[in-house]
Amino acid sequence: MTPAGEAEARRAALAALDRLIAVSPPCTVDEAMEALRRMVALRDGLVARQRAEGASPAFAARLACINAVLSLTWSGAVPIMGFRRERLEQARAALAALEEVAA
């Protein structure tokens, strides 16, 4: 994944999280899965790039952040009980902060 591809994937993931957060709870399965698909695509692209090029400390930190955001998205959108908007908002904030650092 190129840096431009990473930025595009990150923006798509942010947009999916924005749509998920904007929906009154509970979110639909399709909305939750779209947000998760976007996060997984971003993470998988970064993993492929890491395997191909190696990882600087900054790159490794971005990948760790994406993994944490993916975890928050999963636990917020697909909890055992109840919709966890605050986790989705945390995931969105972390991803947005990563956007600012990578820019």
PDB file of N, CA and C in Angstrom:
ATOM      1  N   MET A   1       0.857  -1.173   0.000  1.00  0.00           N
ATOM      2  CA  MET A   1       0.000   0.000   0.000  1.00  0.00           C
ATOM      3  C   MET A   1       0.902   1.235   0.000  1.00  0.00           C
ATOM      4  N   THR A   2       0.678   2.095  -0.930  1.00  0.00           N
ATOM      5  CA  THR A   2       1.449   3.337  -1.022  1.00  0.00           C
ATOM      6  C   THR A   2       0.979   4.310   0.052  1.00  0.00           C
ATOM      7  N   PRO A   3       1.762   5.338   0.352  1.00  0.00           N
ATOM      8  CA  PRO A   3       1.281   6.353   1.299  1.00  0.00           C
ATOM      9  C   PRO A   3      -0.037   6.985   0.855  1.00  0.00           C
ATOM     10  N   ALA A   4      -0.192   7.211  -0.447  1.00  0.00           N
ATOM     11  CA  ALA A   4      -1.462   7.771  -0.945  1.00  0.00           C
ATOM     12  C   ALA A   4      -2.602   6.780  -0.747  1.00  0.00           C
ATOM     13  N   GLY A   5      -2.322   5.503  -0.983  1.00  0.00           N
ATOM     14  CA  GLY A   5      -3.333   4.473  -0.763  1.00  0.00           C
ATOM     15  C   GLY A   5      -3.702   4.361   0.703  1.00  0.00           C
ATOM     16  N   GLU A   6      -2.693   4.511   1.573  1.00  0.00           N
ATOM     17  CA  GLU A   6      -2.954   4.485   3.014  1.00  0.00           C
ATOM     18  C   GLU A   6      -3.866   5.646   3.408  1.00  0.00           C
ATOM     19  N   ALA A   7      -3.573   6.832   2.892  1.00  0.00           N
ATOM     20  CA  ALA A   7      -4.389   8.007   3.219  1.00  0.00           C
ATOM     21  C   ALA A   7      -5.821   7.823   2.725  1.00  0.00           C
ATOM     22  N   GLU A   8      -5.976   7.275   1.529  1.00  0.00           N
ATOM     23  CA  GLU A   8      -7.315   7.038   0.979  1.00  0.00           C
ATOM     24  C   GLU A   8      -8.072   6.004   1.819  1.00  0.00           C
ATOM     25  N   ALA A   9      -7.397   4.929   2.193  1.00  0.00           N
ATOM     26  CA  ALA A   9      -8.033   3.894   3.014  1.00  0.00           C
ATOM     27  C   ALA A   9      -8.402   4.438   4.387  1.00  0.00           C
ATOM     28  N   ARG A  10      -7.545   5.298   4.941  1.00  0.00           N
ATOM     29  CA  ARG A  10      -7.831   5.893   6.243  1.00  0.00           C
ATOM     30  C   ARG A  10      -9.050   6.807   6.157  1.00  0.00           C
ATOM     31  N   ARG A  11      -9.137   7.597   5.086  1.00  0.00           N
ATOM     32  CA  ARG A  11     -10.315   8.470   4.914  1.00  0.00           C
ATOM     33  C   ARG A  11     -11.594   7.647   4.742  1.00  0.00           C
ATOM     34  N   ALA A  12     -11.514   6.543   4.014  1.00  0.00           N
ATOM     35  CA  ALA A  12     -12.679   5.675   3.842  1.00  0.00           C
ATOM     36  C   ALA A  12     -13.110   5.060   5.171  1.00  0.00           C
ATOM     37  N   ALA A  13     -12.130   4.672   5.982  1.00  0.00           N
ATOM     38  CA  ALA A  13     -12.445   4.112   7.300  1.00  0.00           C
ATOM     39  C   ALA A  13     -13.068   5.182   8.197  1.00  0.00           C
ATOM     40  N   LEU A  14     -12.536   6.399   8.149  1.00  0.00           N
ATOM     41  CA  LEU A  14     -13.129   7.495   8.936  1.00  0.00           C
ATOM     42  C   LEU A  14     -14.566   7.750   8.514  1.00  0.00           C
ATOM     43  N   ALA A  15     -14.820   7.759   7.214  1.00  0.00           N
ATOM     44  CA  ALA A  15     -16.180   7.990   6.720  1.00  0.00           C
ATOM     45  C   ALA A  15     -17.129   6.889   7.181  1.00  0.00           C
ATOM     46  N   ALA A  16     -16.654   5.643   7.164  1.00  0.00           N
ATOM     47  CA  ALA A  16     -17.493   4.528   7.617  1.00  0.00           C
ATOM     48  C   ALA A  16     -17.784   4.652   9.107  1.00  0.00           C
ATOM     49  N   LEU A  17     -16.779   5.044   9.901  1.00  0.00           N
ATOM     50  CA  LEU A  17     -17.009   5.247  11.339  1.00  0.00           C
ATOM     51  C   LEU A  17     -17.964   6.415  11.567  1.00  0.00           C
ATOM     52  N   ASP A  18     -17.822   7.475  10.782  1.00  0.00           N
ATOM     53  CA  ASP A  18     -18.740   8.618  10.906  1.00  0.00           C
ATOM     54  C   ASP A  18     -20.183   8.188  10.655  1.00  0.00           C
ATOM     55  N   ARG A  19     -20.384   7.371   9.615  1.00  0.00           N
ATOM     56  CA  ARG A  19     -21.751   6.887   9.318  1.00  0.00           C
ATOM     57  C   ARG A  19     -22.272   6.017  10.459  1.00  0.00           C
ATOM     58  N   LEU A  20     -21.407   5.180  11.003  1.00  0.00           N
ATOM     59  CA  LEU A  20     -21.810   4.287  12.084  1.00  0.00           C
ATOM     60  C   LEU A  20     -22.178   5.074  13.337  1.00  0.00           C
ATOM     61  N   ILE A  21     -21.387   6.079  13.667  1.00  0.00           N
ATOM     62  CA  ILE A  21     -21.650   6.902  14.849  1.00  0.00           C
ATOM     63  C   ILE A  21     -22.907   7.743  14.664  1.00  0.00           C
ATOM     64  N   ALA A  22     -23.163   8.188  13.429  1.00  0.00           N
ATOM     65  CA  ALA A  22     -24.317   9.051  13.160  1.00  0.00           C
ATOM     66  C   ALA A  22     -25.644   8.316  13.286  1.00  0.00           C
ATOM     67  N   VAL A  23     -25.625   7.005  13.152  1.00  0.00           N
ATOM     68  CA  VAL A  23     -26.851   6.213  13.221  1.00  0.00           C
ATOM     69  C   VAL A  23     -27.253   6.044  14.679  1.00  0.00           C
ATOM     70  N   SER A  24     -28.526   6.278  14.964  1.00  0.00           N
ATOM     71  CA  SER A  24     -29.005   6.052  16.327  1.00  0.00           C
ATOM     72  C   SER A  24     -28.887   4.575  16.652  1.00  0.00           C
ATOM     73  N   PRO A  25     -28.453   4.253  17.850  1.00  0.00           N
ATOM     74  CA  PRO A  25     -28.321   2.833  18.216  1.00  0.00           C
ATOM     75  C   PRO A  25     -29.660   2.117  18.150  1.00  0.00           C
ATOM     76  N   PRO A  26     -29.686   0.842  17.881  1.00  0.00           N
ATOM     77  CA  PRO A  26     -28.515   0.060  17.514  1.00  0.00           C
ATOM     78  C   PRO A  26     -28.220   0.200  16.025  1.00  0.00           C
ATOM     79  N   CYS A  27     -26.959   0.100  15.666  1.00  0.00           N
ATOM     80  CA  CYS A  27     -26.581   0.153  14.259  1.00  0.00           C
ATOM     81  C   CYS A  27     -27.011  -1.158  13.598  1.00  0.00           C
ATOM     82  N   THR A  28     -27.114  -1.122  12.289  1.00  0.00           N
ATOM     83  CA  THR A  28     -27.461  -2.349  11.582  1.00  0.00           C
ATOM     84  C   THR A  28     -26.201  -3.190  11.381  1.00  0.00           C
ATOM     85  N   VAL A  29     -26.404  -4.439  11.091  1.00  0.00           N
ATOM     86  CA  VAL A  29     -25.283  -5.342  10.834  1.00  0.00           C
ATOM     87  C   VAL A  29     -24.487  -4.848   9.631  1.00  0.00           C
ATOM     88  N   ASP A  30     -25.181  -4.385   8.591  1.00  0.00           N
ATOM     89  CA  ASP A  30     -24.494  -3.906   7.393  1.00  0.00           C
ATOM     90  C   ASP A  30     -23.613  -2.697   7.699  1.00  0.00           C
ATOM     91  N   GLU A  31     -24.097  -1.778   8.507  1.00  0.00           N
ATOM     92  CA  GLU A  31     -23.306  -0.594   8.866  1.00  0.00           C
ATOM     93  C   GLU A  31     -22.078  -0.985   9.687  1.00  0.00           C
ATOM     94  N   ALA A  32     -22.269  -1.880  10.627  1.00  0.00           N
ATOM     95  CA  ALA A  32     -21.151  -2.336  11.449  1.00  0.00           C
ATOM     96  C   ALA A  32     -20.122  -3.066  10.599  1.00  0.00           C
ATOM     97  N   MET A  33     -20.577  -3.921   9.710  1.00  0.00           N
ATOM     98  CA  MET A  33     -19.650  -4.685   8.879  1.00  0.00           C
ATOM     99  C   MET A  33     -18.901  -3.785   7.903  1.00  0.00           C
ATOM    100  N   GLU A  34     -19.541  -2.741   7.397  1.00  0.00           N
ATOM    101  CA  GLU A  34     -18.851  -1.820   6.498  1.00  0.00           C
ATOM    102  C   GLU A  34     -17.703  -1.118   7.226  1.00  0.00           C
ATOM    103  N   ALA A  35     -17.953  -0.657   8.428  1.00  0.00           N
ATOM    104  CA  ALA A  35     -16.896  -0.009   9.205  1.00  0.00           C
ATOM    105  C   ALA A  35     -15.756  -0.994   9.477  1.00  0.00           C
ATOM    106  N   LEU A  36     -16.100  -2.200   9.827  1.00  0.00           N
ATOM    107  CA  LEU A  36     -15.068  -3.211  10.094  1.00  0.00           C
ATOM    108  C   LEU A  36     -14.287  -3.564   8.832  1.00  0.00           C
ATOM    109  N   ARG A  37     -14.976  -3.695   7.699  1.00  0.00           N
ATOM    110  CA  ARG A  37     -14.296  -3.997   6.438  1.00  0.00           C
ATOM    111  C   ARG A  37     -13.283  -2.906   6.090  1.00  0.00           C
ATOM    112  N   ARG A  38     -13.680  -1.657   6.293  1.00  0.00           N
ATOM    113  CA  ARG A  38     -12.783  -0.533   5.985  1.00  0.00           C
ATOM    114  C   ARG A  38     -11.546  -0.556   6.884  1.00  0.00           C
ATOM    115  N   MET A  39     -11.749  -0.835   8.159  1.00  0.00           N
ATOM    116  CA  MET A  39     -10.621  -0.890   9.090  1.00  0.00           C
ATOM    117  C   MET A  39      -9.693  -2.059   8.749  1.00  0.00           C
ATOM    118  N   VAL A  40     -10.270  -3.202   8.421  1.00  0.00           N
ATOM    119  CA  VAL A  40      -9.469  -4.383   8.074  1.00  0.00           C
ATOM    120  C   VAL A  40      -8.684  -4.122   6.787  1.00  0.00           C
ATOM    121  N   ALA A  41      -9.293  -3.471   5.806  1.00  0.00           N
ATOM    122  CA  ALA A  41      -8.596  -3.163   4.554  1.00  0.00           C
ATOM    123  C   ALA A  41      -7.392  -2.258   4.819  1.00  0.00           C
ATOM    124  N   LEU A  42      -7.573  -1.263   5.676  1.00  0.00           N
ATOM    125  CA  LEU A  42      -6.473  -0.376   6.026  1.00  0.00           C
ATOM    126  C   LEU A  42      -5.368  -1.154   6.734  1.00  0.00           C
ATOM    127  N   ARG A  43      -5.741  -1.946   7.726  1.00  0.00           N
ATOM    128  CA  ARG A  43      -4.750  -2.739   8.465  1.00  0.00           C
ATOM    129  C   ARG A  43      -4.017  -3.720   7.548  1.00  0.00           C
ATOM    130  N   ASP A  44      -4.761  -4.419   6.697  1.00  0.00           N
ATOM    131  CA  ASP A  44      -4.138  -5.404   5.812  1.00  0.00           C
ATOM    132  C   ASP A  44      -3.177  -4.744   4.820  1.00  0.00           C
ATOM    133  N   GLY A  45      -3.539  -3.557   4.339  1.00  0.00           N
ATOM    134  CA  GLY A  45      -2.647  -2.828   3.443  1.00  0.00           C
ATOM    135  C   GLY A  45      -1.353  -2.438   4.128  1.00  0.00           C
ATOM    136  N   LEU A  46      -1.460  -2.003   5.378  1.00  0.00           N
ATOM    137  CA  LEU A  46      -0.258  -1.634   6.129  1.00  0.00           C
ATOM    138  C   LEU A  46       0.601  -2.860   6.436  1.00  0.00           C
ATOM    139  N   VAL A  47      -0.019  -3.969   6.763  1.00  0.00           N
ATOM    140  CA  VAL A  47       0.732  -5.201   7.029  1.00  0.00           C
ATOM    141  C   VAL A  47       1.480  -5.635   5.769  1.00  0.00           C
ATOM    142  N   ALA A  48       0.826  -5.567   4.618  1.00  0.00           N
ATOM    143  CA  ALA A  48       1.478  -5.941   3.363  1.00  0.00           C
ATOM    144  C   ALA A  48       2.671  -5.022   3.081  1.00  0.00           C
ATOM    145  N   ARG A  49       2.485  -3.743   3.322  1.00  0.00           N
ATOM    146  CA  ARG A  49       3.585  -2.792   3.112  1.00  0.00           C
ATOM    147  C   ARG A  49       4.738  -3.066   4.079  1.00  0.00           C
ATOM    148  N   GLN A  50       4.413  -3.369   5.330  1.00  0.00           N
ATOM    149  CA  GLN A  50       5.447  -3.676   6.317  1.00  0.00           C
ATOM    150  C   GLN A  50       6.245  -4.902   5.886  1.00  0.00           C
ATOM    151  N   ARG A  51       5.553  -5.911   5.397  1.00  0.00           N
ATOM    152  CA  ARG A  51       6.232  -7.136   4.967  1.00  0.00           C
ATOM    153  C   ARG A  51       7.130  -6.874   3.758  1.00  0.00           C
ATOM    154  N   ALA A  52       6.696  -5.989   2.877  1.00  0.00           N
ATOM    155  CA  ALA A  52       7.465  -5.706   1.672  1.00  0.00           C
ATOM    156  C   ALA A  52       8.651  -4.774   1.923  1.00  0.00           C
ATOM    157  N   GLU A  53       8.458  -3.800   2.806  1.00  0.00           N
ATOM    158  CA  GLU A  53       9.464  -2.743   2.973  1.00  0.00           C
ATOM    159  C   GLU A  53      10.154  -2.733   4.330  1.00  0.00           C
ATOM    160  N   GLY A  54       9.627  -3.480   5.282  1.00  0.00           N
ATOM    161  CA  GLY A  54      10.125  -3.350   6.651  1.00  0.00           C
ATOM    162  C   GLY A  54       9.350  -2.239   7.338  1.00  0.00           C
ATOM    163  N   ALA A  55       9.698  -1.959   8.571  1.00  0.00           N
ATOM    164  CA  ALA A  55       8.918  -0.968   9.316  1.00  0.00           C
ATOM    165  C   ALA A  55       9.832  -0.047  10.108  1.00  0.00           C
ATOM    166  N   SER A  56       9.631   1.235   9.900  1.00  0.00           N
ATOM    167  CA  SER A  56      10.290   2.224  10.750  1.00  0.00           C
ATOM    168  C   SER A  56       9.520   2.272  12.068  1.00  0.00           C
ATOM    169  N   PRO A  57      10.082   2.857  13.097  1.00  0.00           N
ATOM    170  CA  PRO A  57       9.327   2.992  14.353  1.00  0.00           C
ATOM    171  C   PRO A  57       8.011   3.758  14.162  1.00  0.00           C
ATOM    172  N   ALA A  58       8.018   4.790  13.319  1.00  0.00           N
ATOM    173  CA  ALA A  58       6.787   5.552  13.078  1.00  0.00           C
ATOM    174  C   ALA A  58       5.741   4.700  12.365  1.00  0.00           C
ATOM    175  N   PHE A  59       6.176   3.902  11.394  1.00  0.00           N
ATOM    176  CA  PHE A  59       5.253   3.032  10.682  1.00  0.00           C
ATOM    177  C   PHE A  59       4.689   1.981  11.617  1.00  0.00           C
ATOM    178  N   ALA A  60       5.547   1.384  12.434  1.00  0.00           N
ATOM    179  CA  ALA A  60       5.093   0.375  13.397  1.00  0.00           C
ATOM    180  C   ALA A  60       4.086   0.972  14.373  1.00  0.00           C
ATOM    181  N   ALA A  61       4.280   2.229  14.752  1.00  0.00           N
ATOM    182  CA  ALA A  61       3.331   2.896  15.651  1.00  0.00           C
ATOM    183  C   ALA A  61       1.990   3.107  14.963  1.00  0.00           C
ATOM    184  N   ARG A  62       2.007   3.476  13.678  1.00  0.00           N
ATOM    185  CA  ARG A  62       0.737   3.636  12.940  1.00  0.00           C
ATOM    186  C   ARG A  62      -0.001   2.313  12.847  1.00  0.00           C
ATOM    187  N   LEU A  63       0.730   1.251  12.569  1.00  0.00           N
ATOM    188  CA  LEU A  63       0.108  -0.070  12.478  1.00  0.00           C
ATOM    189  C   LEU A  63      -0.478  -0.486  13.825  1.00  0.00           C
ATOM    190  N   ALA A  64       0.232  -0.227  14.899  1.00  0.00           N
ATOM    191  CA  ALA A  64      -0.291  -0.539  16.235  1.00  0.00           C
ATOM    192  C   ALA A  64      -1.556   0.259  16.520  1.00  0.00           C
ATOM    193  N   CYS A  65      -1.567   1.519  16.113  1.00  0.00           N
ATOM    194  CA  CYS A  65      -2.760   2.359  16.311  1.00  0.00           C
ATOM    195  C   CYS A  65      -3.937   1.814  15.514  1.00  0.00           C
ATOM    196  N   ILE A  66      -3.699   1.413  14.272  1.00  0.00           N
ATOM    197  CA  ILE A  66      -4.779   0.859  13.442  1.00  0.00           C
ATOM    198  C   ILE A  66      -5.318  -0.416  14.076  1.00  0.00           C
ATOM    199  N   ASN A  67      -4.446  -1.262  14.607  1.00  0.00           N
ATOM    200  CA  ASN A  67      -4.914  -2.478  15.281  1.00  0.00           C
ATOM    201  C   ASN A  67      -5.778  -2.138  16.494  1.00  0.00           C
ATOM    202  N   ALA A  68      -5.383  -1.119  17.249  1.00  0.00           N
ATOM    203  CA  ALA A  68      -6.182  -0.698  18.406  1.00  0.00           C
ATOM    204  C   ALA A  68      -7.528  -0.136  17.967  1.00  0.00           C
ATOM    205  N   VAL A  69      -7.521   0.650  16.903  1.00  0.00           N
ATOM    206  CA  VAL A  69      -8.772   1.223  16.382  1.00  0.00           C
ATOM    207  C   VAL A  69      -9.690   0.108  15.884  1.00  0.00           C
ATOM    208  N   LEU A  70      -9.122  -0.882  15.223  1.00  0.00           N
ATOM    209  CA  LEU A  70      -9.915  -2.024  14.761  1.00  0.00           C
ATOM    210  C   LEU A  70     -10.563  -2.735  15.945  1.00  0.00           C
ATOM    211  N   SER A  71      -9.815  -2.926  17.005  1.00  0.00           N
ATOM    212  CA  SER A  71     -10.349  -3.568  18.206  1.00  0.00           C
ATOM    213  C   SER A  71     -11.482  -2.745  18.816  1.00  0.00           C
ATOM    214  N   LEU A  72     -11.281  -1.429  18.913  1.00  0.00           N
ATOM    215  CA  LEU A  72     -12.336  -0.555  19.447  1.00  0.00           C
ATOM    216  C   LEU A  72     -13.579  -0.590  18.564  1.00  0.00           C
ATOM    217  N   THR A  73     -13.370  -0.593  17.255  1.00  0.00           N
ATOM    218  CA  THR A  73     -14.508  -0.628  16.331  1.00  0.00           C
ATOM    219  C   THR A  73     -15.294  -1.920  16.515  1.00  0.00           C
ATOM    220  N   TRP A  74     -14.585  -3.034  16.604  1.00  0.00           N
ATOM    221  CA  TRP A  74     -15.259  -4.324  16.790  1.00  0.00           C
ATOM    222  C   TRP A  74     -16.035  -4.348  18.099  1.00  0.00           C
ATOM    223  N   SER A  75     -15.396  -3.928  19.182  1.00  0.00           N
ATOM    224  CA  SER A  75     -16.059  -4.007  20.490  1.00  0.00           C
ATOM    225  C   SER A  75     -17.171  -2.977  20.627  1.00  0.00           C
ATOM    226  N   GLY A  76     -17.121  -1.910  19.840  1.00  0.00           N
ATOM    227  CA  GLY A  76     -18.177  -0.905  19.902  1.00  0.00           C
ATOM    228  C   GLY A  76     -19.364  -1.232  19.035  1.00  0.00           C
ATOM    229  N   ALA A  77     -19.107  -1.845  17.880  1.00  0.00           N
ATOM    230  CA  ALA A  77     -20.189  -2.125  16.933  1.00  0.00           C
ATOM    231  C   ALA A  77     -20.810  -3.496  17.126  1.00  0.00           C
ATOM    232  N   VAL A  78     -20.051  -4.440  17.657  1.00  0.00           N
ATOM    233  CA  VAL A  78     -20.548  -5.807  17.797  1.00  0.00           C
ATOM    234  C   VAL A  78     -20.341  -6.277  19.242  1.00  0.00           C
ATOM    235  N   PRO A  79     -20.893  -5.544  20.209  1.00  0.00           N
ATOM    236  CA  PRO A  79     -20.715  -5.960  21.603  1.00  0.00           C
ATOM    237  C   PRO A  79     -21.653  -7.107  21.955  1.00  0.00           C
ATOM    238  N   ILE A  80     -21.356  -7.751  23.062  1.00  0.00           N
ATOM    239  CA  ILE A  80     -22.240  -8.817  23.537  1.00  0.00           C
ATOM    240  C   ILE A  80     -23.583  -8.229  23.939  1.00  0.00           C
ATOM    241  N   MET A  81     -23.544  -7.095  24.630  1.00  0.00           N
ATOM    242  CA  MET A  81     -24.779  -6.432  25.040  1.00  0.00           C
ATOM    243  C   MET A  81     -24.673  -4.948  24.749  1.00  0.00           C
ATOM    244  N   GLY A  82     -25.581  -4.448  23.938  1.00  0.00           N
ATOM    245  CA  GLY A  82     -25.692  -3.017  23.715  1.00  0.00           C
ATOM    246  C   GLY A  82     -24.664  -2.424  22.775  1.00  0.00           C
ATOM    247  N   PHE A  83     -25.041  -1.344  22.168  1.00  0.00           N
ATOM    248  CA  PHE A  83     -24.222  -0.565  21.248  1.00  0.00           C
ATOM    249  C   PHE A  83     -23.301   0.324  22.080  1.00  0.00           C
ATOM    250  N   ARG A  84     -22.038   0.350  21.793  1.00  0.00           N
ATOM    251  CA  ARG A  84     -21.079   1.130  22.589  1.00  0.00           C
ATOM    252  C   ARG A  84     -20.555   2.314  21.781  1.00  0.00           C
ATOM    253  N   ARG A  85     -21.361   3.340  21.736  1.00  0.00           N
ATOM    254  CA  ARG A  85     -21.043   4.535  20.966  1.00  0.00           C
ATOM    255  C   ARG A  85     -19.710   5.146  21.412  1.00  0.00           C
ATOM    256  N   GLU A  86     -19.448   5.157  22.727  1.00  0.00           N
ATOM    257  CA  GLU A  86     -18.226   5.787  23.218  1.00  0.00           C
ATOM    258  C   GLU A  86     -16.976   5.099  22.669  1.00  0.00           C
ATOM    259  N   ARG A  87     -17.017   3.803  22.460  1.00  0.00           N
ATOM    260  CA  ARG A  87     -15.867   3.102  21.885  1.00  0.00           C
ATOM    261  C   ARG A  87     -15.685   3.468  20.414  1.00  0.00           C
ATOM    262  N   LEU A  88     -16.795   3.602  19.718  1.00  0.00           N
ATOM    263  CA  LEU A  88     -16.705   4.010  18.317  1.00  0.00           C
ATOM    264  C   LEU A  88     -16.179   5.438  18.202  1.00  0.00           C
ATOM    265  N   GLU A  89     -16.596   6.291  19.119  1.00  0.00           N
ATOM    266  CA  GLU A  89     -16.092   7.665  19.117  1.00  0.00           C
ATOM    267  C   GLU A  89     -14.605   7.698  19.449  1.00  0.00           C
ATOM    268  N   GLN A  90     -14.146   6.831  20.359  1.00  0.00           N
ATOM    269  CA  GLN A  90     -12.709   6.730  20.669  1.00  0.00           C
ATOM    270  C   GLN A  90     -11.940   6.239  19.451  1.00  0.00           C
ATOM    271  N   ALA A  91     -12.496   5.251  18.769  1.00  0.00           N
ATOM    272  CA  ALA A  91     -11.846   4.719  17.570  1.00  0.00           C
ATOM    273  C   ALA A  91     -11.736   5.798  16.506  1.00  0.00           C
ATOM    274  N   ARG A  92     -12.791   6.553  16.319  1.00  0.00           N
ATOM    275  CA  ARG A  92     -12.798   7.613  15.323  1.00  0.00           C
ATOM    276  C   ARG A  92     -11.778   8.699  15.673  1.00  0.00           C
ATOM    277  N   ALA A  93     -11.718   9.076  16.940  1.00  0.00           N
ATOM    278  CA  ALA A  93     -10.768  10.106  17.375  1.00  0.00           C
ATOM    279  C   ALA A  93      -9.324   9.648  17.167  1.00  0.00           C
ATOM    280  N   ALA A  94      -9.034   8.396  17.481  1.00  0.00           N
ATOM    281  CA  ALA A  94      -7.678   7.870  17.304  1.00  0.00           C
ATOM    282  C   ALA A  94      -7.303   7.825  15.830  1.00  0.00           C
ATOM    283  N   LEU A  95      -8.242   7.415  14.985  1.00  0.00           N
ATOM    284  CA  LEU A  95      -7.967   7.354  13.554  1.00  0.00           C
ATOM    285  C   LEU A  95      -7.793   8.758  12.971  1.00  0.00           C
ATOM    286  N   ALA A  96      -8.584   9.703  13.443  1.00  0.00           N
ATOM    287  CA  ALA A  96      -8.445  11.080  12.978  1.00  0.00           C
ATOM    288  C   ALA A  96      -7.101  11.670  13.411  1.00  0.00           C
ATOM    289  N   ALA A  97      -6.665  11.365  14.618  1.00  0.00           N
ATOM    290  CA  ALA A  97      -5.368  11.843  15.092  1.00  0.00           C
ATOM    291  C   ALA A  97      -4.252  11.244  14.252  1.00  0.00           C
ATOM    292  N   LEU A  98      -4.395  10.000  13.855  1.00  0.00           N
ATOM    293  CA  LEU A  98      -3.408   9.353  13.017  1.00  0.00           C
ATOM    294  C   LEU A  98      -3.358  10.029  11.646  1.00  0.00           C
ATOM    295  N   GLU A  99      -4.485  10.469  11.161  1.00  0.00           N
ATOM    296  CA  GLU A  99      -4.559  11.193   9.883  1.00  0.00           C
ATOM    297  C   GLU A  99      -3.723  12.464   9.946  1.00  0.00           C
ATOM    298  N   GLU A 100      -3.802  13.173  11.078  1.00  0.00           N
ATOM    299  CA  GLU A 100      -3.067  14.416  11.252  1.00  0.00           C
ATOM    300  C   GLU A 100      -1.558  14.156  11.315  1.00  0.00           C
ATOM    301  N   VAL A 101      -1.158  13.073  11.967  1.00  0.00           N
ATOM    302  CA  VAL A 101       0.262  12.748  12.113  1.00  0.00           C
ATOM    303  C   VAL A 101       0.852  12.317  10.767  1.00  0.00           C
ATOM    304  N   ALA A 102       0.077  11.546   9.993  1.00  0.00           N
ATOM    305  CA  ALA A 102       0.571  11.022   8.727  1.00  0.00           C
ATOM    306  C   ALA A 102       0.580  12.081   7.631  1.00  0.00           C
ATOM    307  N   ALA A 103      -0.182  13.151   7.812  1.00  0.00           N
ATOM    308  CA  ALA A 103      -0.269  14.180   6.755  1.00  0.00           C
ATOM    309  C   ALA A 103       1.001  14.982   6.637  1.00  0.00           C
TER     310      ALA A 103
END
